Amino acid sequence: MTIRAWMREDSTSNHKPRDSRLHVSLQATGTSGAGGAVPVSIHNISATGILLECSDPIAIDEVLTIDLPRAPATKAVVVWASAQFHGCRFTAPLDKATLSAAQLRSAVDPEVEPD
């Protein structure tokens, strides 16, 4: 199965230091605190956090378990939500190998321009 995607790596901003983020388009499965499976679309990922999209409502401070390439059962806490978008902080930082695996799972689509 081929997944169409684009990737862009941001550098750290002078205004707000943070980990470099990989912009990806990746489908994954999460599990909510109540134990239900939640399909999510990952839009960006860093060692410390993730931006995901989910049609199911997820509350701030809820802990999700997300199945990432090379890191199944990764725990993340929802720190903000806006409609179907959720910013989450990992409970433990991801290693470079896990970030590379997420990047490899996301196929580049040259027709999609990053914003």
N, C-alpha and C. Protein backbone atom coordinates (compact mmCIF):
# COMPACT_ATOMS: atom_id res chain seq x y z
N MET A 1 0.85 -1.17 0.00
CA MET A 1 0.00 0.00 0.00
C MET A 1 0.89 1.23 0.00
N THR A 2 0.59 2.20 -0.86
CA THR A 2 1.35 3.44 -0.92
C THR A 2 0.55 4.52 -0.22
N ILE A 3 1.24 5.31 0.59
CA ILE A 3 0.62 6.44 1.27
C ILE A 3 1.22 7.70 0.67
N ARG A 4 0.38 8.56 0.12
CA ARG A 4 0.86 9.82 -0.44
C ARG A 4 1.04 10.82 0.70
N ALA A 5 2.18 11.53 0.70
CA ALA A 5 2.46 12.46 1.80
C ALA A 5 3.52 13.46 1.37
N TRP A 6 3.75 14.44 2.22
CA TRP A 6 4.87 15.36 2.06
C TRP A 6 5.51 15.55 3.41
N MET A 7 6.78 15.91 3.38
CA MET A 7 7.52 16.13 4.63
C MET A 7 8.25 17.46 4.54
N ARG A 8 8.33 18.14 5.67
CA ARG A 8 9.09 19.37 5.75
C ARG A 8 9.63 19.47 7.17
N GLU A 9 10.88 19.77 7.31
CA GLU A 9 11.48 19.90 8.62
C GLU A 9 11.64 21.37 8.95
N ASP A 10 11.06 21.81 10.09
CA ASP A 10 11.19 23.18 10.54
C ASP A 10 12.41 23.32 11.43
N SER A 11 13.06 24.45 11.35
CA SER A 11 14.15 24.73 12.29
C SER A 11 13.57 25.40 13.52
N THR A 12 14.33 25.45 14.58
CA THR A 12 13.88 26.06 15.82
C THR A 12 13.71 27.56 15.62
N SER A 13 12.62 28.10 16.07
CA SER A 13 12.32 29.51 15.96
C SER A 13 13.10 30.31 17.00
N ASN A 14 13.46 31.55 16.67
CA ASN A 14 14.13 32.43 17.63
C ASN A 14 13.19 32.89 18.72
N HIS A 15 11.90 32.89 18.43
CA HIS A 15 10.92 33.39 19.38
C HIS A 15 10.49 32.35 20.41
N LYS A 16 10.51 31.13 20.04
CA LYS A 16 9.97 30.08 20.91
C LYS A 16 10.77 28.81 20.70
N PRO A 17 11.75 28.53 21.56
CA PRO A 17 12.55 27.32 21.35
C PRO A 17 11.70 26.06 21.50
N ARG A 18 11.91 25.14 20.58
CA ARG A 18 11.21 23.86 20.64
C ARG A 18 11.96 22.87 19.77
N ASP A 19 11.62 21.62 19.94
CA ASP A 19 12.23 20.59 19.11
C ASP A 19 11.84 20.77 17.66
N SER A 20 12.75 20.41 16.77
CA SER A 20 12.48 20.43 15.34
C SER A 20 11.35 19.45 15.04
N ARG A 21 10.44 19.88 14.18
CA ARG A 21 9.28 19.05 13.86
C ARG A 21 9.37 18.54 12.43
N LEU A 22 8.98 17.32 12.25
CA LEU A 22 8.85 16.74 10.92
C LEU A 22 7.39 16.84 10.51
N HIS A 23 7.12 17.47 9.38
CA HIS A 23 5.76 17.54 8.86
C HIS A 23 5.54 16.29 8.02
N VAL A 24 4.57 15.49 8.42
CA VAL A 24 4.30 14.22 7.76
C VAL A 24 2.81 14.08 7.53
N SER A 25 2.45 13.11 6.78
CA SER A 25 1.06 12.70 6.61
C SER A 25 1.04 11.20 6.84
N LEU A 26 0.58 10.82 8.01
CA LEU A 26 0.69 9.42 8.44
C LEU A 26 -0.58 9.02 9.18
N GLN A 27 -1.10 7.87 8.85
CA GLN A 27 -2.27 7.33 9.54
C GLN A 27 -1.80 6.40 10.65
N ALA A 28 -2.47 6.49 11.79
CA ALA A 28 -2.12 5.63 12.93
C ALA A 28 -3.38 5.32 13.71
N THR A 29 -3.23 4.45 14.68
CA THR A 29 -4.32 4.12 15.58
C THR A 29 -3.92 4.54 16.98
N GLY A 30 -4.84 5.18 17.65
CA GLY A 30 -4.62 5.56 19.04
C GLY A 30 -5.65 4.87 19.90
N THR A 31 -5.38 4.81 21.17
CA THR A 31 -6.32 4.26 22.14
C THR A 31 -6.55 5.32 23.20
N SER A 32 -7.80 5.66 23.41
CA SER A 32 -8.14 6.67 24.39
C SER A 32 -8.05 6.09 25.80
N GLY A 33 -8.12 6.95 26.78
CA GLY A 33 -8.09 6.51 28.17
C GLY A 33 -9.21 5.54 28.50
N ALA A 34 -10.34 5.66 27.79
CA ALA A 34 -11.46 4.76 28.01
C ALA A 34 -11.24 3.40 27.35
N GLY A 35 -10.17 3.29 26.54
CA GLY A 35 -9.84 2.01 25.92
C GLY A 35 -10.34 1.83 24.51
N GLY A 36 -11.04 2.82 23.96
CA GLY A 36 -11.55 2.70 22.60
C GLY A 36 -10.50 3.05 21.56
N ALA A 37 -10.50 2.32 20.44
CA ALA A 37 -9.58 2.60 19.34
C ALA A 37 -10.02 3.86 18.63
N VAL A 38 -9.05 4.72 18.33
CA VAL A 38 -9.31 6.00 17.70
C VAL A 38 -8.38 6.14 16.48
N PRO A 39 -8.93 6.22 15.25
CA PRO A 39 -8.05 6.46 14.10
C PRO A 39 -7.59 7.92 14.10
N VAL A 40 -6.31 8.15 13.87
CA VAL A 40 -5.75 9.50 13.87
C VAL A 40 -4.90 9.72 12.62
N SER A 41 -4.85 10.97 12.18
CA SER A 41 -3.94 11.40 11.12
C SER A 41 -2.88 12.26 11.78
N ILE A 42 -1.62 11.91 11.58
CA ILE A 42 -0.51 12.65 12.18
C ILE A 42 -0.03 13.67 11.15
N HIS A 43 0.03 14.94 11.57
CA HIS A 43 0.46 16.01 10.68
C HIS A 43 1.89 16.45 10.95
N ASN A 44 2.32 16.42 12.20
CA ASN A 44 3.73 16.66 12.49
C ASN A 44 4.11 15.95 13.76
N ILE A 45 5.42 15.71 13.89
CA ILE A 45 5.94 14.94 15.00
C ILE A 45 7.33 15.44 15.35
N SER A 46 7.63 15.44 16.63
CA SER A 46 8.98 15.78 17.10
C SER A 46 9.31 14.79 18.22
N ALA A 47 10.48 14.93 18.79
CA ALA A 47 10.87 14.04 19.88
C ALA A 47 9.95 14.20 21.09
N THR A 48 9.36 15.38 21.26
CA THR A 48 8.58 15.64 22.47
C THR A 48 7.08 15.76 22.25
N GLY A 49 6.61 15.83 21.00
CA GLY A 49 5.19 16.01 20.80
C GLY A 49 4.71 15.66 19.42
N ILE A 50 3.40 15.81 19.24
CA ILE A 50 2.76 15.40 18.00
C ILE A 50 1.52 16.25 17.77
N LEU A 51 1.25 16.55 16.50
CA LEU A 51 0.00 17.19 16.11
C LEU A 51 -0.80 16.15 15.35
N LEU A 52 -1.99 15.88 15.84
CA LEU A 52 -2.81 14.88 15.18
C LEU A 52 -4.21 15.39 14.95
N GLU A 53 -4.87 14.75 14.01
CA GLU A 53 -6.24 15.07 13.66
C GLU A 53 -7.08 13.83 13.91
N CYS A 54 -8.23 14.06 14.54
CA CYS A 54 -9.10 12.94 14.90
C CYS A 54 -10.54 13.42 14.91
N SER A 55 -11.43 12.68 14.31
CA SER A 55 -12.83 13.09 14.29
C SER A 55 -13.53 12.82 15.63
N ASP A 56 -12.98 11.94 16.44
CA ASP A 56 -13.55 11.67 17.76
C ASP A 56 -13.12 12.77 18.74
N PRO A 57 -13.99 13.18 19.64
CA PRO A 57 -13.59 14.19 20.63
C PRO A 57 -12.58 13.60 21.63
N ILE A 58 -11.52 14.35 21.89
CA ILE A 58 -10.51 13.94 22.87
C ILE A 58 -10.32 15.12 23.81
N ALA A 59 -10.41 14.89 25.10
CA ALA A 59 -10.33 15.96 26.09
C ALA A 59 -8.89 16.35 26.38
N ILE A 60 -8.70 17.62 26.74
CA ILE A 60 -7.39 18.07 27.20
C ILE A 60 -7.05 17.30 28.47
N ASP A 61 -5.80 16.94 28.61
CA ASP A 61 -5.24 16.14 29.71
C ASP A 61 -5.53 14.64 29.57
N GLU A 62 -6.25 14.24 28.53
CA GLU A 62 -6.47 12.81 28.31
C GLU A 62 -5.17 12.19 27.79
N VAL A 63 -4.89 10.98 28.23
CA VAL A 63 -3.70 10.26 27.78
C VAL A 63 -4.11 9.31 26.66
N LEU A 64 -3.42 9.45 25.52
CA LEU A 64 -3.64 8.56 24.38
C LEU A 64 -2.46 7.61 24.27
N THR A 65 -2.72 6.43 23.81
CA THR A 65 -1.67 5.50 23.45
C THR A 65 -1.69 5.40 21.93
N ILE A 66 -0.59 5.81 21.29
CA ILE A 66 -0.52 5.89 19.83
C ILE A 66 0.46 4.85 19.31
N ASP A 67 0.04 4.12 18.29
CA ASP A 67 0.91 3.12 17.67
C ASP A 67 1.72 3.79 16.56
N LEU A 68 2.97 4.10 16.85
CA LEU A 68 3.88 4.71 15.89
C LEU A 68 4.80 3.64 15.31
N PRO A 69 5.32 3.87 14.10
CA PRO A 69 6.29 2.91 13.56
C PRO A 69 7.48 2.77 14.51
N ARG A 70 7.84 1.57 14.83
CA ARG A 70 8.96 1.23 15.71
C ARG A 70 8.71 1.57 17.19
N ALA A 71 7.57 2.15 17.50
CA ALA A 71 7.27 2.51 18.89
C ALA A 71 5.78 2.33 19.19
N PRO A 72 5.31 1.08 19.17
CA PRO A 72 3.91 0.87 19.51
C PRO A 72 3.66 1.24 20.97
N ALA A 73 2.46 1.62 21.26
CA ALA A 73 2.04 1.96 22.63
C ALA A 73 2.79 3.16 23.19
N THR A 74 3.00 4.20 22.34
CA THR A 74 3.62 5.44 22.79
C THR A 74 2.55 6.29 23.46
N LYS A 75 2.82 6.75 24.68
CA LYS A 75 1.84 7.53 25.43
C LYS A 75 2.05 9.02 25.18
N ALA A 76 0.92 9.73 25.00
CA ALA A 76 0.94 11.17 24.78
C ALA A 76 -0.23 11.80 25.51
N VAL A 77 0.00 12.98 26.09
CA VAL A 77 -1.03 13.72 26.82
C VAL A 77 -1.51 14.86 25.93
N VAL A 78 -2.82 14.99 25.78
CA VAL A 78 -3.39 16.08 24.99
C VAL A 78 -3.20 17.38 25.78
N VAL A 79 -2.50 18.35 25.17
CA VAL A 79 -2.25 19.63 25.85
C VAL A 79 -3.10 20.77 25.29
N TRP A 80 -3.60 20.61 24.06
CA TRP A 80 -4.54 21.59 23.50
C TRP A 80 -5.37 20.90 22.43
N ALA A 81 -6.54 21.48 22.18
CA ALA A 81 -7.43 20.95 21.16
C ALA A 81 -8.15 22.11 20.48
N SER A 82 -8.32 21.99 19.18
CA SER A 82 -9.07 22.96 18.40
C SER A 82 -9.82 22.19 17.33
N ALA A 83 -11.10 22.06 17.52
CA ALA A 83 -11.95 21.25 16.64
C ALA A 83 -11.37 19.83 16.59
N GLN A 84 -11.01 19.34 15.39
CA GLN A 84 -10.51 17.96 15.27
C GLN A 84 -9.00 17.87 15.43
N PHE A 85 -8.30 19.00 15.66
CA PHE A 85 -6.85 18.99 15.82
C PHE A 85 -6.46 18.95 17.29
N HIS A 86 -5.41 18.16 17.60
CA HIS A 86 -4.98 17.98 18.98
C HIS A 86 -3.46 18.03 19.06
N GLY A 87 -2.95 18.87 19.93
CA GLY A 87 -1.52 18.92 20.19
C GLY A 87 -1.24 18.08 21.43
N CYS A 88 -0.30 17.18 21.31
CA CYS A 88 -0.01 16.25 22.41
C CYS A 88 1.47 16.27 22.77
N ARG A 89 1.77 16.05 24.02
CA ARG A 89 3.15 15.94 24.51
C ARG A 89 3.39 14.49 24.91
N PHE A 90 4.48 13.92 24.40
CA PHE A 90 4.81 12.55 24.76
C PHE A 90 5.22 12.48 26.23
N THR A 91 4.89 11.38 26.88
CA THR A 91 5.28 11.21 28.28
C THR A 91 6.77 10.92 28.42
N ALA A 92 7.38 10.43 27.35
CA ALA A 92 8.84 10.22 27.28
C ALA A 92 9.27 10.59 25.87
N PRO A 93 10.40 11.30 25.71
CA PRO A 93 10.83 11.71 24.37
C PRO A 93 11.08 10.51 23.45
N LEU A 94 10.79 10.71 22.17
CA LEU A 94 11.06 9.68 21.17
C LEU A 94 12.54 9.72 20.79
N ASP A 95 13.08 8.57 20.45
CA ASP A 95 14.47 8.55 19.98
C ASP A 95 14.51 8.83 18.48
N LYS A 96 15.71 9.09 17.98
CA LYS A 96 15.88 9.44 16.56
C LYS A 96 15.43 8.31 15.64
N ALA A 97 15.62 7.08 16.06
CA ALA A 97 15.22 5.95 15.22
C ALA A 97 13.70 5.92 15.03
N THR A 98 12.96 6.24 16.07
CA THR A 98 11.50 6.27 15.95
C THR A 98 11.05 7.40 15.04
N LEU A 99 11.69 8.57 15.16
CA LEU A 99 11.36 9.68 14.27
C LEU A 99 11.69 9.33 12.82
N SER A 100 12.82 8.69 12.61
CA SER A 100 13.20 8.27 11.26
C SER A 100 12.20 7.25 10.70
N ALA A 101 11.75 6.33 11.53
CA ALA A 101 10.77 5.34 11.08
C ALA A 101 9.46 6.01 10.69
N ALA A 102 9.02 7.01 11.44
CA ALA A 102 7.80 7.74 11.09
C ALA A 102 7.98 8.47 9.77
N GLN A 103 9.16 9.05 9.57
CA GLN A 103 9.45 9.76 8.34
C GLN A 103 9.47 8.79 7.15
N LEU A 104 10.05 7.63 7.33
CA LEU A 104 10.11 6.64 6.26
C LEU A 104 8.73 6.10 5.90
N ARG A 105 7.85 6.00 6.88
CA ARG A 105 6.50 5.49 6.63
C ARG A 105 5.66 6.50 5.85
N SER A 106 6.06 7.75 5.89
CA SER A 106 5.34 8.79 5.18
C SER A 106 5.99 9.00 3.81
N ALA A 107 5.25 8.72 2.75
CA ALA A 107 5.81 8.83 1.39
C ALA A 107 5.74 10.28 0.92
N VAL A 108 6.74 10.72 0.20
CA VAL A 108 6.80 12.09 -0.31
C VAL A 108 5.87 12.24 -1.50
N ASP A 109 5.11 13.33 -1.51
CA ASP A 109 4.24 13.66 -2.64
C ASP A 109 4.71 15.00 -3.19
N PRO A 110 5.44 15.04 -4.32
CA PRO A 110 6.00 16.28 -4.84
C PRO A 110 4.96 17.28 -5.32
N GLU A 111 3.70 16.84 -5.51
CA GLU A 111 2.67 17.77 -5.98
C GLU A 111 2.04 18.57 -4.86
N VAL A 112 2.27 18.18 -3.62
CA VAL A 112 1.71 18.90 -2.48
C VAL A 112 2.75 19.88 -1.98
N GLU A 113 2.38 21.15 -1.94
CA GLU A 113 3.29 22.19 -1.47
C GLU A 113 3.05 22.44 0.01
N PRO A 114 4.12 22.50 0.81
CA PRO A 114 3.95 22.83 2.23
C PRO A 114 3.49 24.27 2.37
N ASP A 115 2.74 24.54 3.45
CA ASP A 115 2.25 25.91 3.65
C ASP A 115 3.25 26.77 4.34
